[in-house]
C-alpha atoms as a PDB file:
ATOM      1  CA  UNK A   1     -72.982 165.309 237.987  1.00  0.00           C
ATOM      2  CA  UNK A   2     -73.484 165.027 241.699  1.00  0.00           C
ATOM      3  CA  UNK A   3     -75.564 162.436 243.560  1.00  0.00           C
ATOM      4  CA  UNK A   4     -78.850 164.189 244.286  1.00  0.00           C
ATOM      5  CA  UNK A   5     -80.783 161.038 244.982  1.00  0.00           C
ATOM      6  CA  UNK A   6     -82.086 162.384 248.237  1.00  0.00           C
ATOM      7  CA  UNK A   7     -83.905 165.084 246.334  1.00  0.00           C
ATOM      8  CA  UNK A   8     -87.069 164.806 244.312  1.00  0.00           C
ATOM      9  CA  UNK A   9     -86.497 164.995 240.536  1.00  0.00           C
ATOM     10  CA  UNK A  10     -88.178 168.365 240.267  1.00  0.00           C
ATOM     11  CA  UNK A  11     -85.804 169.863 242.849  1.00  0.00           C
ATOM     12  CA  UNK A  12     -82.821 169.065 240.624  1.00  0.00           C
ATOM     13  CA  UNK A  13     -84.144 170.717 237.513  1.00  0.00           C
ATOM     14  CA  UNK A  14     -82.395 174.032 236.829  1.00  0.00           C
ATOM     15  CA  UNK A  15     -84.976 175.670 234.598  1.00  0.00           C
ATOM     16  CA  UNK A  16     -82.979 178.884 234.317  1.00  0.00           C
ATOM     17  CA  UNK A  17     -80.028 177.238 232.560  1.00  0.00           C
ATOM     18  CA  UNK A  18     -80.293 175.637 229.133  1.00  0.00           C
ATOM     19  CA  UNK A  19     -79.728 171.901 229.278  1.00  0.00           C
ATOM     20  CA  UNK A  20     -78.704 169.555 226.454  1.00  0.00           C
ATOM     21  CA  UNK A  21     -81.627 167.078 226.901  1.00  0.00           C
ATOM     22  CA  UNK A  22     -84.182 169.896 226.641  1.00  0.00           C
ATOM     23  CA  UNK A  23     -82.463 171.818 223.848  1.00  0.00           C
ATOM     24  CA  UNK A  24     -82.066 168.604 221.845  1.00  0.00           C
ATOM     25  CA  UNK A  25     -85.812 168.032 222.402  1.00  0.00           C
ATOM     26  CA  UNK A  26     -86.467 171.520 221.075  1.00  0.00           C
ATOM     27  CA  UNK A  27     -84.397 170.869 217.939  1.00  0.00           C
ATOM     28  CA  UNK A  28     -86.295 167.692 217.369  1.00  0.00           C
ATOM     29  CA  UNK A  29     -89.605 169.486 217.548  1.00  0.00           C
ATOM     30  CA  UNK A  30     -90.596 168.325 221.024  1.00  0.00           C
ATOM     31  CA  UNK A  31     -92.380 170.205 223.780  1.00  0.00           C
ATOM     32  CA  UNK A  32     -90.306 169.261 226.874  1.00  0.00           C
ATOM     33  CA  UNK A  33     -88.203 172.413 227.245  1.00  0.00           C
ATOM     34  CA  UNK A  34     -88.141 175.906 228.773  1.00  0.00           C
ATOM     35  CA  UNK A  35     -87.824 179.346 227.245  1.00  0.00           C
ATOM     36  CA  UNK A  36     -84.139 179.462 228.066  1.00  0.00           C
ATOM     37  CA  UNK A  37     -83.651 176.216 226.073  1.00  0.00           C
ATOM     38  CA  UNK A  38     -85.368 177.790 223.093  1.00  0.00           C
ATOM     39  CA  UNK A  39     -83.229 180.926 223.365  1.00  0.00           C
ATOM     40  CA  UNK A  40     -79.938 179.057 223.481  1.00  0.00           C
ATOM     41  CA  UNK A  41     -81.128 176.592 220.855  1.00  0.00           C
ATOM     42  CA  UNK A  42     -82.030 179.475 218.485  1.00  0.00           C
ATOM     43  CA  UNK A  43     -78.707 181.165 219.080  1.00  0.00           C
ATOM     44  CA  UNK A  44     -76.801 177.964 218.307  1.00  0.00           C
ATOM     45  CA  UNK A  45     -78.882 177.515 215.172  1.00  0.00           C
ATOM     46  CA  UNK A  46     -78.075 181.102 214.044  1.00  0.00           C
ATOM     47  CA  UNK A  47     -74.341 180.297 214.418  1.00  0.00           C
ATOM     48  CA  UNK A  48     -74.557 176.758 213.064  1.00  0.00           C
ATOM     49  CA  UNK A  49     -77.674 176.437 210.905  1.00  0.00           C
ATOM     50  CA  UNK A  50     -77.376 172.676 210.320  1.00  0.00           C
ATOM     51  CA  UNK A  51     -77.589 171.703 214.011  1.00  0.00           C
ATOM     52  CA  UNK A  52     -81.259 170.730 213.646  1.00  0.00           C
ATOM     53  CA  UNK A  53     -80.278 168.472 210.758  1.00  0.00           C
ATOM     54  CA  UNK A  54     -77.576 166.955 212.968  1.00  0.00           C
ATOM     55  CA  UNK A  55     -80.168 166.196 215.707  1.00  0.00           C
ATOM     56  CA  UNK A  56     -82.542 164.582 213.242  1.00  0.00           C
ATOM     57  CA  UNK A  57     -79.761 162.566 211.603  1.00  0.00           C
ATOM     58  CA  UNK A  58     -78.581 161.301 214.952  1.00  0.00           C
ATOM     59  CA  UNK A  59     -82.103 160.183 215.802  1.00  0.00           C
ATOM     60  CA  UNK A  60     -82.565 158.496 212.426  1.00  0.00           C
ATOM     61  CA  UNK A  61     -79.224 156.708 212.853  1.00  0.00           C
ATOM     62  CA  UNK A  62     -80.502 155.236 216.145  1.00  0.00           C
ATOM     63  CA  UNK A  63     -83.469 153.742 214.325  1.00  0.00           C
ATOM     64  CA  UNK A  64     -81.334 152.216 211.536  1.00  0.00           C
ATOM     65  CA  UNK A  65     -78.705 150.891 213.936  1.00  0.00           C
ATOM     66  CA  UNK A  66     -81.219 149.302 216.259  1.00  0.00           C
ATOM     67  CA  UNK A  67     -83.027 147.884 213.278  1.00  0.00           C
ATOM     68  CA  UNK A  68     -79.792 146.264 212.095  1.00  0.00           C
ATOM     69  CA  UNK A  69     -78.998 144.908 215.560  1.00  0.00           C
ATOM     70  CA  UNK A  70     -82.430 143.499 216.286  1.00  0.00           C
ATOM     71  CA  UNK A  71     -82.791 142.185 212.728  1.00  0.00           C
ATOM     72  CA  UNK A  72     -79.656 141.070 210.898  1.00  0.00           C
ATOM     73  CA  UNK A  73     -77.438 140.796 214.017  1.00  0.00           C
ATOM     74  CA  UNK A  74     -80.069 139.041 216.170  1.00  0.00           C
ATOM     75  CA  UNK A  75     -79.450 141.161 219.302  1.00  0.00           C
ATOM     76  CA  UNK A  76     -82.180 140.926 221.941  1.00  0.00           C
ATOM     77  CA  UNK A  77     -80.676 143.106 224.704  1.00  0.00           C
ATOM     78  CA  UNK A  78     -79.951 146.838 224.592  1.00  0.00           C
ATOM     79  CA  UNK A  79     -78.254 149.092 227.121  1.00  0.00           C
ATOM     80  CA  UNK A  80     -79.022 152.682 226.061  1.00  0.00           C
ATOM     81  CA  UNK A  81     -76.819 155.126 227.980  1.00  0.00           C
ATOM     82  CA  UNK A  82     -77.599 158.805 227.814  1.00  0.00           C
ATOM     83  CA  UNK A  83     -81.220 158.239 226.837  1.00  0.00           C
ATOM     84  CA  UNK A  84     -82.344 161.797 226.662  1.00  0.00           C
ATOM     85  CA  UNK A  85     -86.004 162.784 226.527  1.00  0.00           C
ATOM     86  CA  UNK A  86     -88.311 160.292 224.882  1.00  0.00           C
ATOM     87  CA  UNK A  87     -89.444 160.994 221.354  1.00  0.00           C
ATOM     88  CA  UNK A  88     -90.654 158.906 218.469  1.00  0.00           C
ATOM     89  CA  UNK A  89     -89.045 155.520 217.707  1.00  0.00           C
ATOM     90  CA  UNK A  90     -87.139 155.078 220.948  1.00  0.00           C
ATOM     91  CA  UNK A  91     -84.792 152.104 221.191  1.00  0.00           C
ATOM     92  CA  UNK A  92     -87.398 149.744 222.753  1.00  0.00           C
ATOM     93  CA  UNK A  93     -89.983 150.662 220.150  1.00  0.00           C
ATOM     94  CA  UNK A  94     -87.686 149.915 217.203  1.00  0.00           C
ATOM     95  CA  UNK A  95     -86.268 146.756 218.687  1.00  0.00           C
ATOM     96  CA  UNK A  96     -89.590 145.282 219.872  1.00  0.00           C
ATOM     97  CA  UNK A  97     -91.246 145.953 216.515  1.00  0.00           C
ATOM     98  CA  UNK A  98     -88.697 143.560 215.049  1.00  0.00           C
ATOM     99  CA  UNK A  99     -88.215 141.219 218.023  1.00  0.00           C
ATOM    100  CA  UNK A 100     -90.952 141.587 220.670  1.00  0.00           C
ATOM    101  CA  UNK A 101     -88.829 139.637 223.195  1.00  0.00           C
ATOM    102  CA  UNK A 102     -86.162 142.359 223.200  1.00  0.00           C
ATOM    103  CA  UNK A 103     -85.075 143.677 226.641  1.00  0.00           C
ATOM    104  CA  UNK A 104     -83.989 147.313 226.978  1.00  0.00           C
ATOM    105  CA  UNK A 105     -82.456 149.290 229.829  1.00  0.00           C
ATOM    106  CA  UNK A 106     -82.346 153.084 229.555  1.00  0.00           C
ATOM    107  CA  UNK A 107     -79.733 155.001 231.553  1.00  0.00           C
ATOM    108  CA  UNK A 108     -79.681 158.687 232.305  1.00  0.00           C
ATOM    109  CA  UNK A 109     -79.167 160.908 235.346  1.00  0.00           C
ATOM    110  CA  UNK A 110     -80.846 164.006 234.078  1.00  0.00           C
ATOM    111  CA  UNK A 111     -83.784 164.862 236.388  1.00  0.00           C
ATOM    112  CA  UNK A 112     -86.089 166.009 233.599  1.00  0.00           C
ATOM    113  CA  UNK A 113     -85.462 162.713 231.815  1.00  0.00           C
ATOM    114  CA  UNK A 114     -86.279 160.924 235.048  1.00  0.00           C
ATOM    115  CA  UNK A 115     -89.628 162.757 235.292  1.00  0.00           C
ATOM    116  CA  UNK A 116     -90.461 161.497 231.814  1.00  0.00           C
ATOM    117  CA  UNK A 117     -89.095 157.963 232.304  1.00  0.00           C
ATOM    118  CA  UNK A 118     -92.605 156.540 232.593  1.00  0.00           C
ATOM    119  CA  UNK A 119     -93.087 157.191 228.897  1.00  0.00           C
ATOM    120  CA  UNK A 120     -90.170 154.871 228.215  1.00  0.00           C
ATOM    121  CA  UNK A 121     -91.280 152.124 230.567  1.00  0.00           C
ATOM    122  CA  UNK A 122     -93.681 150.503 228.166  1.00  0.00           C
ATOM    123  CA  UNK A 123     -92.873 147.158 226.702  1.00  0.00           C
ATOM    124  CA  UNK A 124     -94.247 144.261 224.696  1.00  0.00           C
ATOM    125  CA  UNK A 125     -95.549 141.398 226.819  1.00  0.00           C
ATOM    126  CA  UNK A 126     -92.719 139.227 225.654  1.00  0.00           C
ATOM    127  CA  UNK A 127     -89.892 141.699 226.385  1.00  0.00           C
ATOM    128  CA  UNK A 128     -88.947 144.133 229.114  1.00  0.00           C
ATOM    129  CA  UNK A 129     -88.042 147.832 229.450  1.00  0.00           C
ATOM    130  CA  UNK A 130     -86.522 149.512 232.506  1.00  0.00           C
ATOM    131  CA  UNK A 131     -84.865 152.764 233.497  1.00  0.00           C
ATOM    132  CA  UNK A 132     -81.719 153.271 235.558  1.00  0.00           C
ATOM    133  CA  UNK A 133     -80.948 156.649 237.164  1.00  0.00           C
ATOM    134  CA  UNK A 134     -77.164 156.570 236.925  1.00  0.00           C
ATOM    135  CA  UNK A 135     -74.171 158.593 235.763  1.00  0.00           C
ATOM    136  CA  UNK A 136     -72.317 157.657 232.597  1.00  0.00           C
ATOM    137  CA  UNK A 137     -69.079 158.338 234.473  1.00  0.00           C
ATOM    138  CA  UNK A 138     -69.822 155.236 236.600  1.00  0.00           C
ATOM    139  CA  UNK A 139     -70.076 152.256 234.216  1.00  0.00           C
ATOM    140  CA  UNK A 140     -69.742 149.715 237.047  1.00  0.00           C
ATOM    141  CA  UNK A 141     -72.872 151.040 238.725  1.00  0.00           C
ATOM    142  CA  UNK A 142     -74.676 151.057 235.371  1.00  0.00           C
ATOM    143  CA  UNK A 143     -73.799 147.439 234.729  1.00  0.00           C
ATOM    144  CA  UNK A 144     -74.809 146.417 238.269  1.00  0.00           C
ATOM    145  CA  UNK A 145     -78.203 148.088 237.991  1.00  0.00           C
ATOM    146  CA  UNK A 146     -78.832 146.923 234.414  1.00  0.00           C
ATOM    147  CA  UNK A 147     -78.169 143.330 235.487  1.00  0.00           C
ATOM    148  CA  UNK A 148     -81.652 143.259 237.046  1.00  0.00           C
ATOM    149  CA  UNK A 149     -83.075 143.327 233.500  1.00  0.00           C
ATOM    150  CA  UNK A 150     -80.289 142.215 231.163  1.00  0.00           C
ATOM    151  CA  UNK A 151     -78.274 138.924 231.161  1.00  0.00           C
ATOM    152  CA  UNK A 152     -74.633 139.900 230.797  1.00  0.00           C
ATOM    153  CA  UNK A 153     -73.777 136.335 229.773  1.00  0.00           C
ATOM    154  CA  UNK A 154     -75.618 136.920 226.497  1.00  0.00           C
ATOM    155  CA  UNK A 155     -74.871 139.521 223.743  1.00  0.00           C
ATOM    156  CA  UNK A 156     -75.849 143.118 224.527  1.00  0.00           C
ATOM    157  CA  UNK A 157     -75.831 146.243 222.343  1.00  0.00           C
ATOM    158  CA  UNK A 158     -74.428 149.180 224.257  1.00  0.00           C
ATOM    159  CA  UNK A 159     -75.793 152.417 222.838  1.00  0.00           C
ATOM    160  CA  UNK A 160     -73.654 155.561 223.381  1.00  0.00           C
ATOM    161  CA  UNK A 161     -75.345 158.094 221.197  1.00  0.00           C
ATOM    162  CA  UNK A 162     -74.174 161.653 221.795  1.00  0.00           C
ATOM    163  CA  UNK A 163     -72.933 160.912 225.292  1.00  0.00           C
ATOM    164  CA  UNK A 164     -69.141 160.598 225.196  1.00  0.00           C
ATOM    165  CA  UNK A 165     -68.903 164.201 223.944  1.00  0.00           C
ATOM    166  CA  UNK A 166     -69.965 165.232 227.454  1.00  0.00           C
ATOM    167  CA  UNK A 167     -66.949 163.445 228.959  1.00  0.00           C
ATOM    168  CA  UNK A 168     -64.363 166.117 228.254  1.00  0.00           C
ATOM    169  CA  UNK A 169     -61.296 164.076 229.176  1.00  0.00           C
ATOM    170  CA  UNK A 170     -60.568 161.635 226.339  1.00  0.00           C
ATOM    171  CA  UNK A 171     -58.685 159.199 228.623  1.00  0.00           C
ATOM    172  CA  UNK A 172     -61.733 159.084 230.958  1.00  0.00           C
ATOM    173  CA  UNK A 173     -64.121 158.600 228.022  1.00  0.00           C
ATOM    174  CA  UNK A 174     -61.934 155.750 226.724  1.00  0.00           C
ATOM    175  CA  UNK A 175     -61.889 154.124 230.157  1.00  0.00           C
ATOM    176  CA  UNK A 176     -65.689 154.296 230.350  1.00  0.00           C
ATOM    177  CA  UNK A 177     -66.012 152.450 227.021  1.00  0.00           C
ATOM    178  CA  UNK A 178     -63.359 149.926 228.010  1.00  0.00           C
ATOM    179  CA  UNK A 179     -65.215 149.076 231.227  1.00  0.00           C
ATOM    180  CA  UNK A 180     -68.482 148.626 229.380  1.00  0.00           C
ATOM    181  CA  UNK A 181     -66.887 146.457 226.708  1.00  0.00           C
ATOM    182  CA  UNK A 182     -65.261 144.330 229.424  1.00  0.00           C
ATOM    183  CA  UNK A 183     -68.658 143.730 230.955  1.00  0.00           C
ATOM    184  CA  UNK A 184     -70.330 142.361 227.793  1.00  0.00           C
ATOM    185  CA  UNK A 185     -69.677 138.986 226.156  1.00  0.00           C
ATOM    186  CA  UNK A 186     -68.400 138.103 222.681  1.00  0.00           C
ATOM    187  CA  UNK A 187     -70.992 138.867 220.030  1.00  0.00           C
ATOM    188  CA  UNK A 188     -72.059 142.089 221.673  1.00  0.00           C
ATOM    189  CA  UNK A 189     -72.047 145.504 219.961  1.00  0.00           C
ATOM    190  CA  UNK A 190     -71.123 149.084 220.740  1.00  0.00           C
ATOM    191  CA  UNK A 191     -72.992 151.851 218.910  1.00  0.00           C
ATOM    192  CA  UNK A 192     -71.942 155.487 219.201  1.00  0.00           C
ATOM    193  CA  UNK A 193     -72.356 158.922 217.716  1.00  0.00           C
ATOM    194  CA  UNK A 194     -70.070 161.818 218.366  1.00  0.00           C
ATOM    195  CA  UNK A 195     -69.743 165.419 217.085  1.00  0.00           C
ATOM    196  CA  UNK A 196     -66.704 166.386 215.126  1.00  0.00           C
ATOM    197  CA  UNK A 197     -65.195 169.384 213.416  1.00  0.00           C
ATOM    198  CA  UNK A 198     -63.792 167.217 210.591  1.00  0.00           C
ATOM    199  CA  UNK A 199     -67.027 166.884 208.592  1.00  0.00           C
ATOM    200  CA  UNK A 200     -67.691 170.523 207.814  1.00  0.00           C
ATOM    201  CA  UNK A 201     -70.420 172.690 209.230  1.00  0.00           C
ATOM    202  CA  UNK A 202     -69.293 176.291 209.218  1.00  0.00           C
ATOM    203  CA  UNK A 203     -69.865 177.839 212.642  1.00  0.00           C
ATOM    204  CA  UNK A 204     -69.776 174.495 214.461  1.00  0.00           C
ATOM    205  CA  UNK A 205     -66.689 175.398 216.564  1.00  0.00           C
ATOM    206  CA  UNK A 206     -68.025 178.845 217.478  1.00  0.00           C
ATOM    207  CA  UNK A 207     -71.412 177.318 218.331  1.00  0.00           C
ATOM    208  CA  UNK A 208     -69.795 174.802 220.701  1.00  0.00           C
ATOM    209  CA  UNK A 209     -67.890 177.601 222.392  1.00  0.00           C
ATOM    210  CA  UNK A 210     -71.152 179.544 222.836  1.00  0.00           C
ATOM    211  CA  UNK A 211     -72.852 176.413 224.222  1.00  0.00           C
ATOM    212  CA  UNK A 212     -70.102 175.818 226.754  1.00  0.00           C
ATOM    213  CA  UNK A 213     -70.383 179.397 227.993  1.00  0.00           C
ATOM    214  CA  UNK A 214     -74.199 179.405 228.211  1.00  0.00           C
ATOM    215  CA  UNK A 215     -75.521 175.876 228.715  1.00  0.00           C
ATOM    216  CA  UNK A 216     -74.888 172.611 230.479  1.00  0.00           C
ATOM    217  CA  UNK A 217     -73.264 170.172 230.350  1.00  0.00           C
ATOM    218  CA  UNK A 218     -70.172 171.320 228.401  1.00  0.00           C
ATOM    219  CA  UNK A 219     -69.369 169.489 225.175  1.00  0.00           C
ATOM    220  CA  UNK A 220     -66.311 168.638 223.116  1.00  0.00           C
ATOM    221  CA  UNK A 221     -65.784 167.495 219.522  1.00  0.00           C
ATOM    222  CA  UNK A 222     -63.315 164.771 218.614  1.00  0.00           C
ATOM    223  CA  UNK A 223     -61.534 163.606 215.478  1.00  0.00           C
ATOM    224  CA  UNK A 224     -62.280 160.432 213.643  1.00  0.00           C
ATOM    225  CA  UNK A 225     -59.047 158.926 214.943  1.00  0.00           C
ATOM    226  CA  UNK A 226     -60.076 159.677 218.553  1.00  0.00           C
ATOM    227  CA  UNK A 227     -63.486 158.191 218.060  1.00  0.00           C
ATOM    228  CA  UNK A 228     -62.065 155.049 216.429  1.00  0.00           C
ATOM    229  CA  UNK A 229     -59.698 154.693 219.365  1.00  0.00           C
ATOM    230  CA  UNK A 230     -62.738 154.151 221.665  1.00  0.00           C
ATOM    231  CA  UNK A 231     -63.369 150.982 219.678  1.00  0.00           C
ATOM    232  CA  UNK A 232     -59.896 149.453 219.723  1.00  0.00           C
ATOM    233  CA  UNK A 233     -60.175 145.639 219.722  1.00  0.00           C
ATOM    234  CA  UNK A 234     -63.638 145.651 218.237  1.00  0.00           C
ATOM    235  CA  UNK A 235     -64.728 144.826 214.700  1.00  0.00           C
ATOM    236  CA  UNK A 236     -66.212 147.916 213.002  1.00  0.00           C
ATOM    237  CA  UNK A 237     -69.297 147.049 210.930  1.00  0.00           C
ATOM    238  CA  UNK A 238     -69.585 148.333 207.348  1.00  0.00           C
ATOM    239  CA  UNK A 239     -69.651 151.107 206.230  1.00  0.00           C
ATOM    240  CA  UNK A 240     -67.304 152.009 209.087  1.00  0.00           C
ATOM    241  CA  UNK A 241     -66.963 155.363 210.853  1.00  0.00           C
ATOM    242  CA  UNK A 242     -68.966 157.827 208.730  1.00  0.00           C
ATOM    243  CA  UNK A 243     -71.245 160.859 209.077  1.00  0.00           C
ATOM    244  CA  UNK A 244     -74.166 159.282 210.954  1.00  0.00           C
ATOM    245  CA  UNK A 245     -76.590 160.239 208.171  1.00  0.00           C
ATOM    246  CA  UNK A 246     -74.572 158.102 205.778  1.00  0.00           C
ATOM    247  CA  UNK A 247     -74.522 154.929 207.884  1.00  0.00           C
ATOM    248  CA  UNK A 248     -76.700 152.552 205.864  1.00  0.00           C
ATOM    249  CA  UNK A 249     -79.151 155.257 204.742  1.00  0.00           C
ATOM    250  CA  UNK A 250     -82.693 154.193 203.877  1.00  0.00           C
ATOM    251  CA  UNK A 251     -83.297 153.890 200.122  1.00  0.00           C
ATOM    252  CA  UNK A 252     -80.673 154.364 197.459  1.00  0.00           C
ATOM    253  CA  UNK A 253     -79.750 158.007 198.045  1.00  0.00           C
ATOM    254  CA  UNK A 254     -76.677 158.886 200.106  1.00  0.00           C
ATOM    255  CA  UNK A 255     -77.611 160.799 203.234  1.00  0.00           C
ATOM    256  CA  UNK A 256     -76.454 164.389 203.893  1.00  0.00           C
ATOM    257  CA  UNK A 257     -73.020 165.087 205.349  1.00  0.00           C
ATOM    258  CA  UNK A 258     -73.634 166.112 208.934  1.00  0.00           C
ATOM    259  CA  UNK A 259     -70.875 166.840 211.456  1.00  0.00           C
ATOM    260  CA  UNK A 260     -71.695 163.845 213.629  1.00  0.00           C
ATOM    261  CA  UNK A 261     -69.887 160.524 213.384  1.00  0.00           C
ATOM    262  CA  UNK A 262     -71.844 157.333 213.594  1.00  0.00           C
ATOM    263  CA  UNK A 263     -70.403 153.831 214.019  1.00  0.00           C
ATOM    264  CA  UNK A 264     -71.352 150.275 215.018  1.00  0.00           C
ATOM    265  CA  UNK A 265     -68.744 147.788 216.235  1.00  0.00           C
ATOM    266  CA  UNK A 266     -68.879 144.125 217.316  1.00  0.00           C
ATOM    267  CA  UNK A 267     -66.989 142.509 220.140  1.00  0.00           C
ATOM    268  CA  UNK A 268     -65.261 139.399 218.679  1.00  0.00           C
END
């Protein structure tokens, strides 16, 4: 993820290579993708038919987690890293429906996300929404830029949905989370989702291998123990580390088992 800030966003978009933000958008039924994204997305689906269900479950988890944070937990500040392309019920929309004074900072360094950032920059009159063009590998820069909108003396929810799986080195991924946790005060939360091979999904491993050979950025799965280690020192909220579709599902029915962990943790 090089610094291409001197270029215009459109100059950084490699439309001939499938990209996660656009393929994810395709799986979610969006329109912001190219033919190559559809081709790779269809191939992954043929190898791992439940990938669309994973994408939808991850998105629904975001809504439930933000709803919990803005409601029961009383959080009014959100730092959403690895935003992806805007779709329905983005973090600011969910949070500000519950608490109109919520303040949200979105972070991504994908050029196509940047070109669509304006769609995210809406806000209630009482709250605020901003976008930071920054790399998840540089948490210090993220915190510095987000400080223009968020007060790091007050609790913040750091959203890391489907982003640490693009940091292939586990030690580096852990260090990123540690630096973010160090920057937020007691009473703050960390929310993350992460793909795994431990929750079933025949073809998942082969599909990831295909992805890494044909799309960008490369991805890695992790075990539940590895994901929990990201949250050492934090208090994991019930029901713990589970398939993201089974984290406080709406209604009385248990959600489907998808190969994507979801977890919410509080900094004591």
